[in-house]
Every structure is written in structure tokens, then in C-alpha cells.
């Protein structure tokens, strides 16, 4: 099985996996944007070119409120794209780190966990953001809108779980296990007859 992941190692690998899961989800949203007639390039769309506070996403509005509360001044429209990006990607990394800490303690992380993880992330948004008046209650959205949101978050969950499973397997592989103290580059091996400890003779004890 290999060595277990430390909590820090699991969190770091989870954050990396969360970034990959976020990218997978964004590709789905971008594909839908283009099918719907959008003409921005992937990078323009991804980094929220032209976004203002009136059109920024709900998570970005959370970031705006936190920043304005801390700075005690309103943020200009020019800050909207950067806050949008920071909150969007930061949220993905934090969810990924949390996933890593929880799943990293298991002997073998499974990709199938993502089928549960993604919807949990989605449902959390519908539970928290209405409290801030940034989302409507979930029952006020139609089935088509909910299906799009849940399917995109399913891609996030599966992308995160698949990436984390690969990173965890790499970290736990026998080739990355302990090494000999005298030779860090060579795996340690049990002592054989030629290297077994022997009782010193009298002359060696002087």
C-alpha cells in the first residue's frame, strides 16, 4: 500500500486536485457559453474580461463584501474581474484541500467519491448564498437551471477525485517509500547474511 499521506500532504494534493476539478468544471461552462452564442476566447472568459459588479457571480459578490468591509471603502468596477477570479479559484482550492484531508486518510481514495463530493459542494452554495441574499432559495430555480449547475459541479467533483486518487497513488507507491540513511537515493533493504550485524572479536573491542 505504501506510506500514508500526512494531513499537510493530503491538503496540498487536494488543493492541486481542486484546481484541476475547477478547470474541468469551467470547460463545461465555457462550452455552454459558446453554444449559447458567446464569442469570447477561453482565456478572456476564464479571467472574467469585461465583468462589472452588476454582472459578477454570486461568489464574487461575497468577496466584494468581505473586501469592502475590511478596507472600509467601495471597490471600483475594475476590481470585479480580479475578485471574481480570486474567489472562484480560491473556493475550488479550498474545497479540494478539504476533500484531500478527509479522503486522504482512507487506504485507497476512489474516483467514485467525486459523484458525492460535487453535489455536496453545489448544495452548500444553495444553502449558504440565499442567507446573503445572493441566491434565491433552491426551490425557486427551474429544473433545467439546477441540472446545469449540478452537472457542472459533478464534473468538478469527479475531476477533483480522479486527480487526487492519482496524486495519492503516486505518493504512496513503493518507489517513493523510505530510503537508506547512508544512501538517500537508494531504497533501504533488509540486511542479508553479508550485511547482518556480527559480534565483534576481542581485538575490535580494544
N, C-alpha and C. Protein backbone atom coordinates (compact mmCIF):
# COMPACT_ATOMS: atom_id res chain seq x y z
N UNK A 1 0.82 -1.20 0.00
CA UNK A 1 0.00 0.00 0.00
C UNK A 1 0.86 1.26 0.00
N UNK A 2 2.07 1.21 0.62
CA UNK A 2 2.90 2.39 0.68
C UNK A 2 2.59 3.22 1.91
N UNK A 3 3.39 4.25 2.13
CA UNK A 3 3.22 5.08 3.31
C UNK A 3 1.96 5.93 3.23
N UNK A 4 1.33 6.22 4.36
CA UNK A 4 0.11 7.05 4.36
C UNK A 4 0.46 8.51 4.10
N UNK A 5 -0.54 9.28 3.67
CA UNK A 5 -0.35 10.70 3.47
C UNK A 5 -0.43 11.43 4.80
N UNK A 6 0.43 12.41 4.98
CA UNK A 6 0.31 13.28 6.14
C UNK A 6 -0.86 14.23 5.91
N UNK A 7 -1.42 14.83 6.97
CA UNK A 7 -2.51 15.80 6.76
C UNK A 7 -2.12 16.94 5.84
N UNK A 8 -0.88 17.45 5.99
CA UNK A 8 -0.43 18.54 5.12
C UNK A 8 -0.29 18.06 3.69
N UNK A 9 0.29 16.87 3.52
CA UNK A 9 0.44 16.33 2.17
C UNK A 9 -0.90 16.08 1.51
N UNK A 10 -1.87 15.60 2.29
CA UNK A 10 -3.20 15.37 1.74
C UNK A 10 -3.87 16.68 1.36
N UNK A 11 -3.69 17.72 2.19
CA UNK A 11 -4.30 19.02 1.91
C UNK A 11 -3.70 19.65 0.65
N UNK A 12 -2.37 19.57 0.52
CA UNK A 12 -1.71 20.16 -0.65
C UNK A 12 -2.13 19.44 -1.92
N UNK A 13 -2.13 18.11 -1.89
CA UNK A 13 -2.55 17.35 -3.07
C UNK A 13 -4.02 17.58 -3.36
N UNK A 14 -4.82 17.75 -2.30
CA UNK A 14 -6.23 18.05 -2.51
C UNK A 14 -6.43 19.40 -3.18
N UNK A 15 -5.63 20.40 -2.78
CA UNK A 15 -5.74 21.72 -3.40
C UNK A 15 -5.38 21.66 -4.87
N UNK A 16 -4.32 20.92 -5.20
CA UNK A 16 -3.95 20.75 -6.62
C UNK A 16 -5.08 20.06 -7.38
N UNK A 17 -5.63 19.01 -6.78
CA UNK A 17 -6.75 18.31 -7.41
C UNK A 17 -7.96 19.22 -7.56
N UNK A 18 -8.19 20.09 -6.56
CA UNK A 18 -9.30 21.04 -6.65
C UNK A 18 -9.13 22.01 -7.80
N UNK A 19 -7.89 22.42 -8.07
CA UNK A 19 -7.63 23.30 -9.21
C UNK A 19 -7.95 22.59 -10.52
N UNK A 20 -7.59 21.31 -10.60
CA UNK A 20 -7.88 20.54 -11.81
C UNK A 20 -9.39 20.35 -11.96
N UNK A 21 -10.07 20.08 -10.84
CA UNK A 21 -11.52 19.94 -10.88
C UNK A 21 -12.20 21.23 -11.29
N UNK A 22 -11.68 22.37 -10.82
CA UNK A 22 -12.24 23.68 -11.20
C UNK A 22 -12.08 23.90 -12.70
N UNK A 23 -10.92 23.55 -13.23
CA UNK A 23 -10.70 23.70 -14.67
C UNK A 23 -11.67 22.82 -15.47
N UNK A 24 -11.91 21.59 -14.98
CA UNK A 24 -12.86 20.70 -15.67
C UNK A 24 -14.26 21.28 -15.68
N UNK A 25 -14.67 21.83 -14.55
CA UNK A 25 -15.99 22.45 -14.47
C UNK A 25 -16.08 23.67 -15.38
N UNK A 26 -15.03 24.47 -15.41
CA UNK A 26 -15.05 25.68 -16.23
C UNK A 26 -15.12 25.35 -17.73
N UNK A 27 -14.49 24.27 -18.13
CA UNK A 27 -14.55 23.88 -19.54
C UNK A 27 -15.99 23.55 -19.95
N UNK A 28 -16.73 22.95 -19.05
CA UNK A 28 -18.14 22.66 -19.34
C UNK A 28 -18.94 23.96 -19.45
N UNK A 29 -18.73 24.86 -18.49
CA UNK A 29 -19.45 26.15 -18.55
C UNK A 29 -19.06 26.94 -19.79
N UNK A 30 -17.79 26.88 -20.17
CA UNK A 30 -17.35 27.63 -21.36
C UNK A 30 -17.97 27.04 -22.63
N UNK A 31 -18.04 25.73 -22.70
CA UNK A 31 -18.67 25.08 -23.85
C UNK A 31 -20.13 25.53 -23.96
N UNK A 32 -20.82 25.58 -22.86
CA UNK A 32 -22.22 26.04 -22.88
C UNK A 32 -22.31 27.51 -23.28
N UNK A 33 -21.36 28.30 -22.82
CA UNK A 33 -21.32 29.72 -23.19
C UNK A 33 -21.17 29.89 -24.69
N UNK A 34 -20.27 29.10 -25.30
CA UNK A 34 -20.07 29.22 -26.74
C UNK A 34 -21.27 28.72 -27.53
N UNK A 35 -21.86 27.62 -27.07
CA UNK A 35 -23.06 27.10 -27.73
C UNK A 35 -24.20 28.12 -27.65
N UNK A 36 -24.22 28.86 -26.57
CA UNK A 36 -25.26 29.87 -26.40
C UNK A 36 -25.01 31.15 -27.16
N UNK A 37 -23.92 31.20 -27.94
CA UNK A 37 -23.65 32.38 -28.76
C UNK A 37 -22.53 33.27 -28.27
N UNK A 38 -21.86 32.92 -27.17
CA UNK A 38 -20.76 33.73 -26.66
C UNK A 38 -19.57 33.71 -27.61
N UNK A 39 -18.84 34.82 -27.68
CA UNK A 39 -17.74 34.91 -28.64
C UNK A 39 -16.39 35.20 -27.98
N UNK A 40 -16.30 35.24 -26.66
CA UNK A 40 -15.02 35.46 -26.01
C UNK A 40 -14.14 34.21 -26.13
N UNK A 41 -12.81 34.45 -26.16
CA UNK A 41 -11.89 33.32 -26.13
C UNK A 41 -11.93 32.68 -24.75
N UNK A 42 -11.33 31.49 -24.65
CA UNK A 42 -11.34 30.79 -23.36
C UNK A 42 -10.67 31.62 -22.27
N UNK A 43 -9.52 32.23 -22.57
CA UNK A 43 -8.82 33.00 -21.56
C UNK A 43 -9.59 34.26 -21.17
N UNK A 44 -10.19 34.92 -22.14
CA UNK A 44 -10.99 36.10 -21.83
C UNK A 44 -12.16 35.74 -20.93
N UNK A 45 -12.81 34.64 -21.28
CA UNK A 45 -13.95 34.20 -20.48
C UNK A 45 -13.52 33.74 -19.09
N UNK A 46 -12.44 32.97 -19.04
CA UNK A 46 -11.98 32.41 -17.77
C UNK A 46 -11.57 33.51 -16.79
N UNK A 47 -10.92 34.54 -17.28
CA UNK A 47 -10.44 35.59 -16.40
C UNK A 47 -11.38 36.79 -16.37
N UNK A 48 -12.65 36.53 -16.70
CA UNK A 48 -13.75 37.46 -16.47
C UNK A 48 -13.53 38.83 -17.10
N UNK A 49 -13.01 38.85 -18.33
CA UNK A 49 -12.79 40.12 -19.01
C UNK A 49 -14.13 40.83 -19.21
N UNK A 50 -14.17 42.12 -18.86
CA UNK A 50 -15.37 42.91 -19.06
C UNK A 50 -16.42 42.76 -17.98
N UNK A 51 -16.16 41.96 -16.95
CA UNK A 51 -17.14 41.77 -15.88
C UNK A 51 -17.18 43.02 -15.00
N UNK A 52 -18.38 43.45 -14.64
CA UNK A 52 -18.58 44.53 -13.69
C UNK A 52 -19.30 43.97 -12.47
N UNK A 53 -19.48 44.77 -11.45
CA UNK A 53 -20.16 44.26 -10.26
C UNK A 53 -21.61 43.90 -10.55
N UNK A 54 -22.19 44.54 -11.54
CA UNK A 54 -23.58 44.21 -11.89
C UNK A 54 -23.70 42.82 -12.51
N UNK A 55 -22.62 42.35 -13.15
CA UNK A 55 -22.67 41.05 -13.83
C UNK A 55 -21.80 40.00 -13.15
N UNK A 56 -21.14 40.35 -12.07
CA UNK A 56 -20.25 39.39 -11.39
C UNK A 56 -21.06 38.28 -10.74
N UNK A 57 -20.43 37.13 -10.57
CA UNK A 57 -21.10 35.97 -9.99
C UNK A 57 -21.38 36.19 -8.51
N UNK A 58 -22.25 35.34 -7.96
CA UNK A 58 -22.59 35.45 -6.54
C UNK A 58 -21.37 35.26 -5.64
N UNK A 59 -20.50 34.26 -5.88
CA UNK A 59 -19.30 34.16 -5.03
C UNK A 59 -18.44 35.41 -5.09
N UNK A 60 -18.35 36.04 -6.27
CA UNK A 60 -17.57 37.27 -6.37
C UNK A 60 -18.18 38.37 -5.52
N UNK A 61 -19.49 38.38 -5.41
CA UNK A 61 -20.15 39.37 -4.56
C UNK A 61 -19.82 39.14 -3.09
N UNK A 62 -19.63 37.88 -2.71
CA UNK A 62 -19.18 37.58 -1.35
C UNK A 62 -17.80 38.18 -1.12
N UNK A 63 -16.90 37.96 -2.09
CA UNK A 63 -15.56 38.54 -1.99
C UNK A 63 -15.60 40.05 -1.92
N UNK A 64 -16.48 40.65 -2.70
CA UNK A 64 -16.62 42.12 -2.68
C UNK A 64 -17.03 42.60 -1.29
N UNK A 65 -18.02 41.93 -0.70
CA UNK A 65 -18.49 42.36 0.62
C UNK A 65 -17.39 42.23 1.67
N UNK A 66 -16.64 41.13 1.61
CA UNK A 66 -15.56 40.94 2.57
C UNK A 66 -14.48 42.00 2.39
N UNK A 67 -14.10 42.26 1.13
CA UNK A 67 -13.05 43.24 0.86
C UNK A 67 -13.48 44.65 1.25
N UNK A 68 -14.70 45.01 0.91
CA UNK A 68 -15.17 46.35 1.25
C UNK A 68 -15.34 46.52 2.75
N UNK A 69 -15.75 45.46 3.43
CA UNK A 69 -15.86 45.54 4.88
C UNK A 69 -14.50 45.71 5.54
N UNK A 70 -13.48 45.04 5.00
CA UNK A 70 -12.14 45.14 5.56
C UNK A 70 -11.50 46.48 5.24
N UNK A 71 -11.63 46.93 3.98
CA UNK A 71 -10.99 48.17 3.55
C UNK A 71 -11.78 49.41 3.92
N UNK A 72 -13.07 49.23 4.24
CA UNK A 72 -13.94 50.34 4.60
C UNK A 72 -14.06 51.36 3.46
N UNK A 73 -14.13 50.85 2.24
CA UNK A 73 -14.37 51.71 1.07
C UNK A 73 -14.88 50.83 -0.06
N UNK A 74 -15.67 51.39 -0.98
CA UNK A 74 -16.19 50.58 -2.09
C UNK A 74 -15.10 50.23 -3.09
N UNK A 75 -15.23 49.05 -3.69
CA UNK A 75 -14.29 48.64 -4.73
C UNK A 75 -14.78 49.13 -6.08
N UNK A 76 -13.88 49.60 -6.94
CA UNK A 76 -14.29 50.07 -8.27
C UNK A 76 -14.66 48.89 -9.17
N UNK A 77 -15.36 49.18 -10.27
CA UNK A 77 -15.73 48.13 -11.22
C UNK A 77 -14.52 47.41 -11.78
N UNK A 78 -13.38 48.12 -11.87
CA UNK A 78 -12.18 47.49 -12.42
C UNK A 78 -11.69 46.33 -11.58
N UNK A 79 -12.09 46.29 -10.30
CA UNK A 79 -11.66 45.21 -9.43
C UNK A 79 -12.51 43.96 -9.57
N UNK A 80 -13.65 44.08 -10.22
CA UNK A 80 -14.59 42.96 -10.30
C UNK A 80 -13.98 41.70 -10.93
N UNK A 81 -13.27 41.80 -12.08
CA UNK A 81 -12.72 40.57 -12.66
C UNK A 81 -11.73 39.85 -11.74
N UNK A 82 -10.86 40.64 -11.07
CA UNK A 82 -9.86 40.01 -10.19
C UNK A 82 -10.49 39.37 -8.97
N UNK A 83 -11.47 40.06 -8.38
CA UNK A 83 -12.16 39.46 -7.23
C UNK A 83 -12.92 38.22 -7.67
N UNK A 84 -13.55 38.28 -8.83
CA UNK A 84 -14.27 37.13 -9.37
C UNK A 84 -13.34 35.93 -9.52
N UNK A 85 -12.17 36.17 -10.11
CA UNK A 85 -11.20 35.08 -10.32
C UNK A 85 -10.69 34.53 -8.99
N UNK A 86 -10.34 35.44 -8.07
CA UNK A 86 -9.77 35.01 -6.80
C UNK A 86 -10.74 34.16 -6.00
N UNK A 87 -12.00 34.58 -5.94
CA UNK A 87 -12.99 33.83 -5.18
C UNK A 87 -13.30 32.50 -5.86
N UNK A 88 -13.43 32.53 -7.18
CA UNK A 88 -13.77 31.31 -7.92
C UNK A 88 -12.69 30.25 -7.73
N UNK A 89 -11.43 30.61 -8.01
CA UNK A 89 -10.36 29.63 -7.91
C UNK A 89 -10.02 29.32 -6.45
N UNK A 90 -10.09 30.32 -5.59
CA UNK A 90 -9.83 30.07 -4.17
C UNK A 90 -10.82 29.09 -3.57
N UNK A 91 -12.09 29.22 -3.97
CA UNK A 91 -13.11 28.29 -3.48
C UNK A 91 -12.81 26.87 -3.94
N UNK A 92 -12.42 26.72 -5.20
CA UNK A 92 -12.09 25.39 -5.72
C UNK A 92 -10.92 24.77 -4.99
N UNK A 93 -9.88 25.58 -4.71
CA UNK A 93 -8.72 25.06 -3.99
C UNK A 93 -9.06 24.69 -2.55
N UNK A 94 -9.87 25.50 -1.90
CA UNK A 94 -10.23 25.20 -0.51
C UNK A 94 -11.09 23.94 -0.40
N UNK A 95 -12.06 23.79 -1.32
CA UNK A 95 -12.85 22.56 -1.32
C UNK A 95 -11.96 21.35 -1.60
N UNK A 96 -11.01 21.53 -2.52
CA UNK A 96 -10.11 20.43 -2.83
C UNK A 96 -9.25 20.04 -1.64
N UNK A 97 -8.74 21.05 -0.91
CA UNK A 97 -7.92 20.77 0.27
C UNK A 97 -8.75 20.03 1.33
N UNK A 98 -10.00 20.46 1.52
CA UNK A 98 -10.87 19.78 2.48
C UNK A 98 -11.12 18.33 2.05
N UNK A 99 -11.34 18.13 0.76
CA UNK A 99 -11.53 16.78 0.23
C UNK A 99 -10.30 15.93 0.51
N UNK A 100 -9.12 16.50 0.26
CA UNK A 100 -7.89 15.76 0.47
C UNK A 100 -7.70 15.32 1.91
N UNK A 101 -8.00 16.21 2.86
CA UNK A 101 -7.84 15.88 4.27
C UNK A 101 -8.77 14.74 4.67
N UNK A 102 -10.01 14.79 4.18
CA UNK A 102 -10.99 13.75 4.54
C UNK A 102 -10.67 12.43 3.85
N UNK A 103 -10.47 12.47 2.55
CA UNK A 103 -10.29 11.23 1.78
C UNK A 103 -8.86 10.70 1.89
N UNK A 104 -7.91 11.59 2.15
CA UNK A 104 -6.52 11.14 2.24
C UNK A 104 -6.26 10.19 3.38
N UNK A 105 -7.16 10.14 4.36
CA UNK A 105 -6.99 9.22 5.48
C UNK A 105 -7.45 7.80 5.14
N UNK A 106 -8.10 7.65 4.00
CA UNK A 106 -8.59 6.32 3.62
C UNK A 106 -7.49 5.56 2.90
N UNK A 107 -7.53 4.22 2.95
CA UNK A 107 -6.47 3.43 2.33
C UNK A 107 -6.35 3.64 0.83
N UNK A 108 -7.49 3.78 0.15
CA UNK A 108 -7.47 3.91 -1.31
C UNK A 108 -8.55 4.88 -1.75
N UNK A 109 -8.21 6.16 -1.98
CA UNK A 109 -9.20 7.12 -2.47
C UNK A 109 -9.80 6.66 -3.79
N UNK A 110 -11.11 6.76 -3.93
CA UNK A 110 -11.80 6.28 -5.12
C UNK A 110 -12.35 7.45 -5.93
N UNK A 111 -12.30 7.30 -7.25
CA UNK A 111 -12.82 8.33 -8.14
C UNK A 111 -14.31 8.52 -7.90
N UNK A 112 -15.00 7.43 -7.56
CA UNK A 112 -16.45 7.49 -7.37
C UNK A 112 -16.85 8.44 -6.25
N UNK A 113 -15.93 8.75 -5.34
CA UNK A 113 -16.26 9.69 -4.28
C UNK A 113 -16.66 11.05 -4.85
N UNK A 114 -16.14 11.37 -6.03
CA UNK A 114 -16.45 12.65 -6.65
C UNK A 114 -17.90 12.81 -7.01
N UNK A 115 -18.59 11.67 -7.24
CA UNK A 115 -20.01 11.73 -7.58
C UNK A 115 -20.85 12.19 -6.40
N UNK A 116 -20.30 12.09 -5.20
CA UNK A 116 -20.97 12.61 -4.00
C UNK A 116 -20.42 13.99 -3.64
N UNK A 117 -19.13 14.14 -3.78
CA UNK A 117 -18.46 15.39 -3.41
C UNK A 117 -18.97 16.58 -4.22
N UNK A 118 -19.08 16.43 -5.54
CA UNK A 118 -19.53 17.53 -6.39
C UNK A 118 -20.91 18.05 -6.00
N UNK A 119 -21.91 17.19 -5.90
CA UNK A 119 -23.24 17.66 -5.47
C UNK A 119 -23.25 18.27 -4.08
N UNK A 120 -22.40 17.79 -3.16
CA UNK A 120 -22.33 18.40 -1.84
C UNK A 120 -21.87 19.85 -1.94
N UNK A 121 -20.85 20.10 -2.78
CA UNK A 121 -20.37 21.46 -2.99
C UNK A 121 -21.48 22.33 -3.55
N UNK A 122 -22.21 21.79 -4.52
CA UNK A 122 -23.30 22.54 -5.14
C UNK A 122 -24.40 22.85 -4.14
N UNK A 123 -24.81 21.86 -3.38
CA UNK A 123 -25.87 22.07 -2.39
C UNK A 123 -25.46 23.06 -1.31
N UNK A 124 -24.17 23.08 -0.98
CA UNK A 124 -23.70 24.04 0.02
C UNK A 124 -23.91 25.47 -0.46
N UNK A 125 -23.68 25.71 -1.75
CA UNK A 125 -23.93 27.05 -2.30
C UNK A 125 -25.39 27.44 -2.15
N UNK A 126 -26.28 26.50 -2.44
CA UNK A 126 -27.71 26.78 -2.34
C UNK A 126 -28.18 26.90 -0.89
N UNK A 127 -27.39 26.40 0.03
CA UNK A 127 -27.74 26.52 1.44
C UNK A 127 -27.21 27.82 2.04
N UNK A 128 -26.01 28.26 1.60
CA UNK A 128 -25.35 29.41 2.21
C UNK A 128 -25.68 30.72 1.53
N UNK A 129 -25.61 30.75 0.20
CA UNK A 129 -25.75 32.02 -0.52
C UNK A 129 -27.13 32.66 -0.40
N UNK A 130 -28.23 31.90 -0.28
CA UNK A 130 -29.51 32.58 -0.04
C UNK A 130 -29.54 33.37 1.27
N UNK A 131 -28.75 32.96 2.26
CA UNK A 131 -28.69 33.69 3.52
C UNK A 131 -28.11 35.09 3.32
N UNK A 132 -27.24 35.22 2.31
CA UNK A 132 -26.64 36.52 1.99
C UNK A 132 -27.43 37.27 0.93
N UNK A 133 -28.59 36.73 0.55
CA UNK A 133 -29.44 37.33 -0.47
C UNK A 133 -28.75 37.39 -1.84
N UNK A 134 -27.84 36.43 -2.07
CA UNK A 134 -27.15 36.37 -3.35
C UNK A 134 -27.69 35.26 -4.25
N UNK A 135 -28.36 34.29 -3.67
CA UNK A 135 -29.08 33.24 -4.39
C UNK A 135 -30.53 33.27 -3.93
N UNK A 136 -31.40 32.79 -4.80
CA UNK A 136 -32.77 32.53 -4.37
C UNK A 136 -32.80 31.15 -3.69
N UNK A 137 -33.81 30.87 -2.91
CA UNK A 137 -33.94 29.51 -2.37
C UNK A 137 -33.97 28.50 -3.50
N UNK A 138 -33.43 27.33 -3.27
CA UNK A 138 -33.25 26.34 -4.33
C UNK A 138 -34.56 25.98 -5.03
N UNK A 139 -35.67 26.00 -4.30
CA UNK A 139 -36.95 25.62 -4.91
C UNK A 139 -37.49 26.67 -5.88
N UNK A 140 -36.86 27.84 -5.92
CA UNK A 140 -37.31 28.87 -6.85
C UNK A 140 -36.60 28.82 -8.19
N UNK A 141 -35.68 27.87 -8.36
CA UNK A 141 -34.99 27.67 -9.64
C UNK A 141 -35.68 26.55 -10.40
N UNK A 142 -35.70 26.67 -11.73
CA UNK A 142 -36.33 25.61 -12.51
C UNK A 142 -35.39 24.42 -12.65
N UNK A 143 -35.95 23.31 -13.07
CA UNK A 143 -35.19 22.06 -13.14
C UNK A 143 -34.02 22.15 -14.12
N UNK A 144 -34.20 22.89 -15.21
CA UNK A 144 -33.14 23.00 -16.21
C UNK A 144 -31.93 23.73 -15.64
N UNK A 145 -32.16 24.82 -14.93
CA UNK A 145 -31.06 25.58 -14.33
C UNK A 145 -30.33 24.74 -13.29
N UNK A 146 -31.09 24.02 -12.47
CA UNK A 146 -30.47 23.18 -11.44
C UNK A 146 -29.67 22.04 -12.06
N UNK A 147 -30.19 21.46 -13.14
CA UNK A 147 -29.48 20.36 -13.80
C UNK A 147 -28.15 20.84 -14.35
N UNK A 148 -28.13 22.03 -14.92
CA UNK A 148 -26.87 22.57 -15.45
C UNK A 148 -25.86 22.79 -14.33
N UNK A 149 -26.33 23.35 -13.23
CA UNK A 149 -25.44 23.63 -12.11
C UNK A 149 -24.91 22.35 -11.49
N UNK A 150 -25.80 21.39 -11.27
CA UNK A 150 -25.37 20.13 -10.65
C UNK A 150 -24.44 19.34 -11.55
N UNK A 151 -24.69 19.34 -12.85
CA UNK A 151 -23.82 18.59 -13.76
C UNK A 151 -22.43 19.22 -13.83
N UNK A 152 -22.36 20.55 -13.79
CA UNK A 152 -21.06 21.21 -13.79
C UNK A 152 -20.30 20.90 -12.51
N UNK A 153 -20.99 20.90 -11.38
CA UNK A 153 -20.33 20.56 -10.12
C UNK A 153 -19.99 19.08 -10.03
N UNK A 154 -20.73 18.25 -10.74
CA UNK A 154 -20.36 16.84 -10.81
C UNK A 154 -19.02 16.69 -11.52
N UNK A 155 -18.81 17.48 -12.57
CA UNK A 155 -17.52 17.47 -13.26
C UNK A 155 -16.41 17.94 -12.31
N UNK A 156 -16.71 18.95 -11.50
CA UNK A 156 -15.73 19.40 -10.51
C UNK A 156 -15.40 18.27 -9.54
N UNK A 157 -16.43 17.60 -9.03
CA UNK A 157 -16.20 16.54 -8.06
C UNK A 157 -15.40 15.38 -8.64
N UNK A 158 -15.75 14.95 -9.84
CA UNK A 158 -15.05 13.82 -10.45
C UNK A 158 -13.63 14.21 -10.88
N UNK A 159 -13.48 15.44 -11.37
CA UNK A 159 -12.13 15.90 -11.72
C UNK A 159 -11.23 15.97 -10.51
N UNK A 160 -11.79 16.44 -9.41
CA UNK A 160 -11.01 16.51 -8.16
C UNK A 160 -10.68 15.13 -7.63
N UNK A 161 -11.67 14.25 -7.61
CA UNK A 161 -11.44 12.91 -7.04
C UNK A 161 -10.47 12.10 -7.89
N UNK A 162 -10.58 12.20 -9.21
CA UNK A 162 -9.67 11.46 -10.09
C UNK A 162 -8.24 11.97 -9.95
N UNK A 163 -8.09 13.29 -9.88
CA UNK A 163 -6.75 13.87 -9.74
C UNK A 163 -6.14 13.52 -8.39
N UNK A 164 -6.96 13.59 -7.35
CA UNK A 164 -6.44 13.27 -6.02
C UNK A 164 -6.06 11.80 -5.92
N UNK A 165 -6.86 10.92 -6.50
CA UNK A 165 -6.53 9.49 -6.47
C UNK A 165 -5.19 9.23 -7.14
N UNK A 166 -4.94 9.91 -8.27
CA UNK A 166 -3.67 9.74 -8.98
C UNK A 166 -2.51 10.28 -8.16
N UNK A 167 -2.67 11.46 -7.57
CA UNK A 167 -1.60 12.06 -6.77
C UNK A 167 -1.33 11.23 -5.51
N UNK A 168 -2.38 10.72 -4.88
CA UNK A 168 -2.20 9.90 -3.69
C UNK A 168 -1.51 8.58 -4.02
N UNK A 169 -1.89 7.97 -5.13
CA UNK A 169 -1.26 6.71 -5.54
C UNK A 169 0.23 6.93 -5.83
N UNK A 170 0.55 8.06 -6.44
CA UNK A 170 1.95 8.36 -6.73
C UNK A 170 2.75 8.54 -5.44
N UNK A 171 2.15 9.22 -4.47
CA UNK A 171 2.84 9.45 -3.20
C UNK A 171 3.01 8.17 -2.39
N UNK A 172 2.05 7.25 -2.54
CA UNK A 172 2.07 6.02 -1.75
C UNK A 172 2.75 4.86 -2.46
N UNK A 173 3.26 5.07 -3.65
CA UNK A 173 3.86 3.98 -4.41
C UNK A 173 5.12 3.50 -3.71
N UNK A 174 5.44 2.20 -3.82
CA UNK A 174 6.63 1.66 -3.15
C UNK A 174 7.91 2.38 -3.53
N UNK A 175 8.00 2.89 -4.76
CA UNK A 175 9.22 3.56 -5.22
C UNK A 175 9.49 4.84 -4.48
N UNK A 176 8.43 5.42 -3.83
CA UNK A 176 8.60 6.66 -3.09
C UNK A 176 8.68 6.41 -1.59
N UNK A 177 8.81 5.11 -1.19
CA UNK A 177 8.88 4.77 0.22
C UNK A 177 10.24 5.11 0.79
N UNK A 178 10.50 4.71 2.04
CA UNK A 178 11.72 5.09 2.76
C UNK A 178 12.99 4.65 2.06
N UNK A 179 14.08 5.36 2.31
CA UNK A 179 15.37 5.08 1.72
C UNK A 179 16.39 4.83 2.82
N UNK A 180 17.52 4.30 2.43
CA UNK A 180 18.59 4.02 3.38
C UNK A 180 19.20 5.31 3.89
N UNK A 181 19.43 5.46 5.21
CA UNK A 181 20.01 6.69 5.73
C UNK A 181 21.38 7.00 5.14
N UNK A 182 22.16 5.96 4.83
CA UNK A 182 23.50 6.17 4.30
C UNK A 182 23.49 6.49 2.83
N UNK A 183 22.39 6.24 2.15
CA UNK A 183 22.32 6.50 0.72
C UNK A 183 20.90 6.93 0.39
N UNK A 184 20.58 8.25 0.47
CA UNK A 184 19.20 8.72 0.26
C UNK A 184 18.65 8.37 -1.09
N UNK A 185 19.49 8.10 -2.05
CA UNK A 185 19.00 7.83 -3.39
C UNK A 185 18.69 6.37 -3.65
N UNK A 186 18.99 5.51 -2.69
CA UNK A 186 18.80 4.07 -2.88
C UNK A 186 17.84 3.54 -1.84
N UNK A 187 16.79 2.77 -2.25
CA UNK A 187 15.83 2.23 -1.27
C UNK A 187 16.52 1.35 -0.24
N UNK A 188 16.06 1.44 1.01
CA UNK A 188 16.63 0.61 2.06
C UNK A 188 16.25 -0.84 1.82
N UNK A 189 17.11 -1.76 2.20
CA UNK A 189 16.82 -3.18 2.06
C UNK A 189 17.22 -3.89 3.34
N UNK A 190 16.53 -4.98 3.66
CA UNK A 190 16.87 -5.71 4.89
C UNK A 190 18.26 -6.30 4.81
N UNK A 191 18.91 -6.38 5.94
CA UNK A 191 20.27 -6.91 5.97
C UNK A 191 20.26 -8.40 5.66
N UNK A 192 21.12 -8.83 4.75
CA UNK A 192 21.28 -10.23 4.41
C UNK A 192 22.44 -10.82 5.19
N UNK A 193 22.83 -12.03 4.85
CA UNK A 193 23.93 -12.68 5.57
C UNK A 193 25.21 -11.86 5.52
N UNK A 194 25.46 -11.18 4.38
CA UNK A 194 26.71 -10.46 4.23
C UNK A 194 26.72 -9.16 5.01
N UNK A 195 25.54 -8.62 5.32
CA UNK A 195 25.48 -7.33 5.99
C UNK A 195 24.91 -7.42 7.39
N UNK A 196 24.54 -8.60 7.84
CA UNK A 196 23.95 -8.76 9.15
C UNK A 196 24.97 -8.38 10.24
N UNK A 197 24.49 -7.85 11.34
CA UNK A 197 25.39 -7.45 12.43
C UNK A 197 26.06 -8.69 13.00
N UNK A 198 27.35 -8.57 13.27
CA UNK A 198 28.09 -9.70 13.86
C UNK A 198 28.72 -9.26 15.18
N UNK A 199 28.97 -10.22 16.01
CA UNK A 199 29.58 -9.93 17.32
C UNK A 199 31.05 -9.59 17.12
N UNK A 200 31.51 -8.42 17.64
CA UNK A 200 32.91 -8.09 17.40
C UNK A 200 33.84 -9.03 18.12
N UNK A 201 35.00 -9.30 17.50
CA UNK A 201 36.01 -10.12 18.16
C UNK A 201 36.76 -9.30 19.21
N UNK A 202 37.60 -9.94 20.03
CA UNK A 202 38.24 -9.25 21.15
C UNK A 202 39.09 -8.10 20.67
N UNK A 203 39.83 -8.28 19.54
CA UNK A 203 40.72 -7.22 19.09
C UNK A 203 39.95 -5.96 18.67
N UNK A 204 38.72 -6.13 18.20
CA UNK A 204 37.92 -4.98 17.78
C UNK A 204 37.33 -4.25 18.96
N UNK A 205 37.34 -4.89 20.16
CA UNK A 205 36.76 -4.25 21.34
C UNK A 205 37.77 -3.42 22.09
N UNK A 206 39.05 -3.51 21.76
CA UNK A 206 40.09 -2.76 22.45
C UNK A 206 40.09 -1.30 22.07
